[in-house]
C-alpha atoms as a PDB file:
ATOM      1  CA  ASP A   1     161.406 203.602 273.561  1.00  0.00           C
ATOM      2  CA  CYS A   2     158.617 205.884 272.326  1.00  0.00           C
ATOM      3  CA  LEU A   3     159.229 208.372 275.145  1.00  0.00           C
ATOM      4  CA  SER A   4     163.036 208.454 274.925  1.00  0.00           C
ATOM      5  CA  ASP A   5     165.287 210.938 273.172  1.00  0.00           C
ATOM      6  CA  LYS A   6     166.277 209.936 269.660  1.00  0.00           C
ATOM      7  CA  GLY A   7     169.437 210.255 267.644  1.00  0.00           C
ATOM      8  CA  ALA A   8     171.068 209.366 264.353  1.00  0.00           C
ATOM      9  CA  LEU A   9     174.028 207.241 263.354  1.00  0.00           C
ATOM     10  CA  HIS A  10     176.418 207.794 260.460  1.00  0.00           C
ATOM     11  CA  ALA A  11     178.912 205.265 259.089  1.00  0.00           C
ATOM     12  CA  ARG A  12     181.243 205.927 256.159  1.00  0.00           C
ATOM     13  CA  ILE A  13     182.047 202.476 254.803  1.00  0.00           C
ATOM     14  CA  ALA A  14     185.019 201.730 252.561  1.00  0.00           C
ATOM     15  CA  ILE A  15     184.202 198.927 250.147  1.00  0.00           C
ATOM     16  CA  PRO A  16     187.153 197.012 248.679  1.00  0.00           C
ATOM     17  CA  GLY A  17     187.536 197.932 245.002  1.00  0.00           C
ATOM     18  CA  ALA A  18     185.178 200.909 245.148  1.00  0.00           C
ATOM     19  CA  PRO A  19     186.639 204.322 244.326  1.00  0.00           C
ATOM     20  CA  VAL A  20     184.834 206.051 247.215  1.00  0.00           C
ATOM     21  CA  PRO A  21     183.138 204.937 250.426  1.00  0.00           C
ATOM     22  CA  ILE A  22     179.373 204.804 250.879  1.00  0.00           C
ATOM     23  CA  ASP A  23     177.632 206.802 253.589  1.00  0.00           C
ATOM     24  CA  VAL A  24     174.989 204.973 255.625  1.00  0.00           C
ATOM     25  CA  PHE A  25     172.686 206.778 258.058  1.00  0.00           C
ATOM     26  CA  ASP A  26     170.197 205.321 260.529  1.00  0.00           C
ATOM     27  CA  THR A  27     167.688 206.784 262.961  1.00  0.00           C
ATOM     28  CA  HIS A  28     164.535 206.127 264.964  1.00  0.00           C
ATOM     29  CA  LEU A  29     162.058 209.004 265.156  1.00  0.00           C
ATOM     30  CA  ASN A  30     159.362 209.482 267.818  1.00  0.00           C
ATOM     31  CA  SER A  31     156.046 207.710 267.591  1.00  0.00           C
ATOM     32  CA  ARG A  32     152.599 209.242 267.689  1.00  0.00           C
ATOM     33  CA  LYS A  33     149.995 207.343 269.690  1.00  0.00           C
ATOM     34  CA  ALA A  34     152.370 205.236 271.807  1.00  0.00           C
ATOM     35  CA  SER A  35     153.939 208.394 273.230  1.00  0.00           C
ATOM     36  CA  ARG A  36     150.561 209.329 274.739  1.00  0.00           C
ATOM     37  CA  ALA A  37     151.242 212.993 273.869  1.00  0.00           C
ATOM     38  CA  PRO A  38     148.765 215.231 272.009  1.00  0.00           C
ATOM     39  CA  ALA A  39     148.900 214.943 268.191  1.00  0.00           C
ATOM     40  CA  ARG A  40     150.041 218.549 267.702  1.00  0.00           C
ATOM     41  CA  ARG A  41     152.955 217.918 270.046  1.00  0.00           C
ATOM     42  CA  THR A  42     154.018 214.651 268.412  1.00  0.00           C
ATOM     43  CA  LEU A  43     153.872 216.249 264.943  1.00  0.00           C
ATOM     44  CA  ALA A  44     155.987 219.191 266.149  1.00  0.00           C
ATOM     45  CA  ALA A  45     158.528 216.776 267.673  1.00  0.00           C
ATOM     46  CA  HIS A  46     158.663 214.761 264.454  1.00  0.00           C
ATOM     47  CA  ILE A  47     159.272 217.921 262.397  1.00  0.00           C
ATOM     48  CA  ILE A  48     162.092 218.974 264.732  1.00  0.00           C
ATOM     49  CA  GLN A  49     163.660 215.509 264.576  1.00  0.00           C
ATOM     50  CA  THR A  50     163.378 215.375 260.777  1.00  0.00           C
ATOM     51  CA  THR A  51     164.993 218.819 260.520  1.00  0.00           C
ATOM     52  CA  GLU A  52     167.811 217.740 262.834  1.00  0.00           C
ATOM     53  CA  LEU A  53     168.320 214.591 260.752  1.00  0.00           C
ATOM     54  CA  ALA A  54     168.569 216.656 257.547  1.00  0.00           C
ATOM     55  CA  VAL A  55     171.137 218.969 259.200  1.00  0.00           C
ATOM     56  CA  PHE A  56     173.085 215.954 260.522  1.00  0.00           C
ATOM     57  CA  MET A  57     173.208 214.367 257.070  1.00  0.00           C
ATOM     58  CA  ALA A  58     174.277 217.645 255.441  1.00  0.00           C
ATOM     59  CA  ALA A  59     177.088 218.007 257.989  1.00  0.00           C
ATOM     60  CA  HIS A  60     178.410 214.578 256.973  1.00  0.00           C
ATOM     61  CA  ASP A  61     177.967 215.073 253.238  1.00  0.00           C
ATOM     62  CA  TYR A  62     180.648 213.652 250.975  1.00  0.00           C
ATOM     63  CA  PRO A  63     179.358 214.496 247.471  1.00  0.00           C
ATOM     64  CA  ASN A  64     181.281 211.721 245.696  1.00  0.00           C
ATOM     65  CA  ALA A  65     179.724 208.995 247.849  1.00  0.00           C
ATOM     66  CA  ALA A  66     176.288 207.463 247.551  1.00  0.00           C
ATOM     67  CA  ASN A  67     173.977 207.647 250.584  1.00  0.00           C
ATOM     68  CA  ILE A  68     171.619 205.172 252.210  1.00  0.00           C
ATOM     69  CA  LEU A  69     169.255 206.233 254.994  1.00  0.00           C
ATOM     70  CA  GLY A  70     167.242 203.714 256.958  1.00  0.00           C
ATOM     71  CA  GLY A  71     165.257 203.577 260.125  1.00  0.00           C
ATOM     72  CA  ASP A  72     161.997 203.503 261.975  1.00  0.00           C
ATOM     73  CA  PHE A  73     160.544 206.844 260.919  1.00  0.00           C
ATOM     74  CA  ASN A  74     157.131 206.377 262.585  1.00  0.00           C
ATOM     75  CA  MET A  75     155.208 207.866 259.679  1.00  0.00           C
ATOM     76  CA  ARG A  76     152.782 205.010 258.937  1.00  0.00           C
ATOM     77  CA  GLY A  77     149.484 206.536 257.836  1.00  0.00           C
ATOM     78  CA  SER A  78     150.559 210.141 258.517  1.00  0.00           C
ATOM     79  CA  GLU A  79     150.462 212.321 255.416  1.00  0.00           C
ATOM     80  CA  ALA A  80     151.556 215.345 257.491  1.00  0.00           C
ATOM     81  CA  ARG A  81     154.686 213.616 258.779  1.00  0.00           C
ATOM     82  CA  PHE A  82     155.531 212.143 255.398  1.00  0.00           C
ATOM     83  CA  GLU A  83     155.114 215.454 253.561  1.00  0.00           C
ATOM     84  CA  VAL A  84     157.619 217.206 255.855  1.00  0.00           C
ATOM     85  CA  PHE A  85     160.011 214.262 255.712  1.00  0.00           C
ATOM     86  CA  ASP A  86     159.813 214.059 251.911  1.00  0.00           C
ATOM     87  CA  THR A  87     160.506 217.806 251.615  1.00  0.00           C
ATOM     88  CA  LEU A  88     163.424 217.960 254.070  1.00  0.00           C
ATOM     89  CA  LEU A  89     165.110 214.716 252.987  1.00  0.00           C
ATOM     90  CA  PRO A  90     164.922 214.596 249.182  1.00  0.00           C
ATOM     91  CA  LEU A  91     166.462 211.151 248.781  1.00  0.00           C
ATOM     92  CA  ARG A  92     164.779 208.445 246.691  1.00  0.00           C
ATOM     93  CA  LEU A  93     162.403 206.244 248.656  1.00  0.00           C
ATOM     94  CA  VAL A  94     163.045 202.515 248.067  1.00  0.00           C
ATOM     95  CA  HIS A  95     159.327 201.671 248.085  1.00  0.00           C
ATOM     96  CA  ARG A  96     158.551 204.362 245.512  1.00  0.00           C
ATOM     97  CA  TYR A  97     161.475 203.334 243.286  1.00  0.00           C
ATOM     98  CA  CYS A  98     160.441 199.673 243.370  1.00  0.00           C
ATOM     99  CA  VAL A  99     156.775 200.446 242.611  1.00  0.00           C
ATOM    100  CA  GLU A 100     157.881 202.506 239.597  1.00  0.00           C
ATOM    101  CA  ASN A 101     160.551 199.983 238.476  1.00  0.00           C
ATOM    102  CA  ARG A 102     159.039 196.555 239.176  1.00  0.00           C
ATOM    103  CA  ALA A 103     161.217 194.830 236.569  1.00  0.00           C
ATOM    104  CA  LEU A 104     164.400 196.139 238.231  1.00  0.00           C
ATOM    105  CA  CYS A 105     163.485 195.482 241.866  1.00  0.00           C
ATOM    106  CA  ASP A 106     162.608 192.050 243.257  1.00  0.00           C
ATOM    107  CA  VAL A 107     159.962 192.791 245.897  1.00  0.00           C
ATOM    108  CA  GLN A 108     159.548 189.889 248.329  1.00  0.00           C
ATOM    109  CA  ALA A 109     157.305 191.842 250.696  1.00  0.00           C
ATOM    110  CA  SER A 110     153.535 192.168 250.793  1.00  0.00           C
ATOM    111  CA  TRP A 111     152.650 195.613 249.483  1.00  0.00           C
ATOM    112  CA  ASP A 112     149.079 196.832 249.206  1.00  0.00           C
ATOM    113  CA  GLY A 113     147.908 199.884 247.304  1.00  0.00           C
ATOM    114  CA  ASP A 114     149.745 202.516 245.326  1.00  0.00           C
ATOM    115  CA  ALA A 115     151.691 203.971 248.263  1.00  0.00           C
ATOM    116  CA  PRO A 116     153.110 201.044 250.295  1.00  0.00           C
ATOM    117  CA  TRP A 117     155.481 203.424 252.077  1.00  0.00           C
ATOM    118  CA  MET A 118     152.484 204.770 253.984  1.00  0.00           C
ATOM    119  CA  ASP A 119     151.756 201.300 255.416  1.00  0.00           C
ATOM    120  CA  THR A 120     155.011 200.755 257.297  1.00  0.00           C
ATOM    121  CA  GLN A 121     157.256 202.367 259.903  1.00  0.00           C
ATOM    122  CA  ASP A 122     160.626 201.114 258.592  1.00  0.00           C
ATOM    123  CA  LEU A 123     161.783 202.793 255.406  1.00  0.00           C
ATOM    124  CA  GLN A 124     164.992 203.113 253.460  1.00  0.00           C
ATOM    125  CA  LEU A 125     166.050 205.873 251.094  1.00  0.00           C
ATOM    126  CA  PHE A 126     169.024 206.236 248.778  1.00  0.00           C
ATOM    127  CA  GLN A 127     170.915 208.822 246.752  1.00  0.00           C
ATOM    128  CA  ASP A 128     173.637 208.612 244.115  1.00  0.00           C
ATOM    129  CA  GLY A 129     176.941 210.366 244.664  1.00  0.00           C
ATOM    130  CA  ARG A 130     179.109 211.967 241.983  1.00  0.00           C
ATOM    131  CA  SER A 131     181.371 208.911 241.800  1.00  0.00           C
ATOM    132  CA  MET A 132     179.029 206.105 242.887  1.00  0.00           C
ATOM    133  CA  SER A 133     175.483 205.096 242.000  1.00  0.00           C
ATOM    134  CA  VAL A 134     173.200 203.037 244.193  1.00  0.00           C
ATOM    135  CA  ARG A 135     169.881 201.345 243.477  1.00  0.00           C
ATOM    136  CA  PRO A 136     167.738 198.798 245.301  1.00  0.00           C
ATOM    137  CA  ILE A 137     167.488 195.421 243.595  1.00  0.00           C
ATOM    138  CA  ARG A 138     165.642 193.368 246.259  1.00  0.00           C
ATOM    139  CA  VAL A 139     163.272 194.186 249.127  1.00  0.00           C
ATOM    140  CA  GLU A 140     162.089 191.783 251.815  1.00  0.00           C
ATOM    141  CA  THR A 141     160.839 191.814 255.386  1.00  0.00           C
ATOM    142  CA  LEU A 142     162.335 190.252 258.500  1.00  0.00           C
ATOM    143  CA  PHE A 143     161.040 189.509 261.974  1.00  0.00           C
ATOM    144  CA  ASP A 144     157.510 189.187 260.636  1.00  0.00           C
ATOM    145  CA  GLY A 145     156.423 186.182 262.681  1.00  0.00           C
ATOM    146  CA  ARG A 146     157.378 183.403 260.263  1.00  0.00           C
ATOM    147  CA  PRO A 147     158.941 180.326 261.931  1.00  0.00           C
ATOM    148  CA  ASP A 148     162.412 181.351 260.716  1.00  0.00           C
ATOM    149  CA  SER A 149     161.864 185.043 261.478  1.00  0.00           C
ATOM    150  CA  PRO A 150     160.396 185.668 264.947  1.00  0.00           C
ATOM    151  CA  THR A 151     158.579 188.900 265.748  1.00  0.00           C
ATOM    152  CA  LEU A 152     160.919 191.300 267.568  1.00  0.00           C
ATOM    153  CA  SER A 153     159.027 194.587 267.282  1.00  0.00           C
ATOM    154  CA  ASP A 154     155.615 196.130 266.743  1.00  0.00           C
ATOM    155  CA  HIS A 155     156.292 195.976 262.989  1.00  0.00           C
ATOM    156  CA  ASP A 156     158.348 194.084 260.418  1.00  0.00           C
ATOM    157  CA  ALA A 157     161.927 195.046 259.663  1.00  0.00           C
ATOM    158  CA  LEU A 158     162.906 195.994 256.123  1.00  0.00           C
ATOM    159  CA  ARG A 159     165.908 194.454 254.350  1.00  0.00           C
ATOM    160  CA  VAL A 160     167.030 196.019 251.090  1.00  0.00           C
ATOM    161  CA  THR A 161     169.774 194.672 248.858  1.00  0.00           C
ATOM    162  CA  TYR A 162     171.494 197.410 246.866  1.00  0.00           C
ATOM    163  CA  GLU A 163     173.621 197.410 243.735  1.00  0.00           C
ATOM    164  CA  LEU A 164     176.529 199.839 243.792  1.00  0.00           C
ATOM    165  CA  SER A 165     178.219 200.956 240.580  1.00  0.00           C
ATOM    166  CA  TRP A 166     180.775 203.497 239.385  1.00  0.00           C
ATOM    167  CA  PRO A 167     182.501 204.443 236.146  1.00  0.00           C
ATOM    168  CA  ALA A 168     185.296 202.015 235.153  1.00  0.00           C
ATOM    169  CA  ARG A 169     187.738 204.925 234.821  1.00  0.00           C
ATOM    170  CA  LEU A 170     187.566 205.373 238.625  1.00  0.00           C
ATOM    171  CA  THR A 171     188.826 201.874 239.504  1.00  0.00           C
END
């Protein structure tokens, strides 16, 4: 799929008992080396795709709702890609939050170094809304080659469990 056009998905999910829905976004951005295109071209494509994703998310913005964004962003080891992504999509990165809040986030994944988000393709990000807060409470990997989790991709999948909360006056 590294040479195919990419897109984004948006789902507004109503949760029973919650005062507002939660917005969930997903995407898969172009790769670098596997595309066999020159580096300058793959970086330009990634910047365009990241910009389009930011515009797409803004077009579906519901300020009261919390947001979750996940996907295969193909930024592993690329400071240039990550810098643009981090600037255009100012949501909170799950990896960064969990590194900074170890006591609040049960990490069941193998993370090396101070910036584990640079070691993976799959990432998730989150953002509070005016009426709903969201925070990761558990992170684990899937499809990593364990007997109960067969390898399905060129990298592990990322599963994040979130806690949603809102003021009692809204229920």
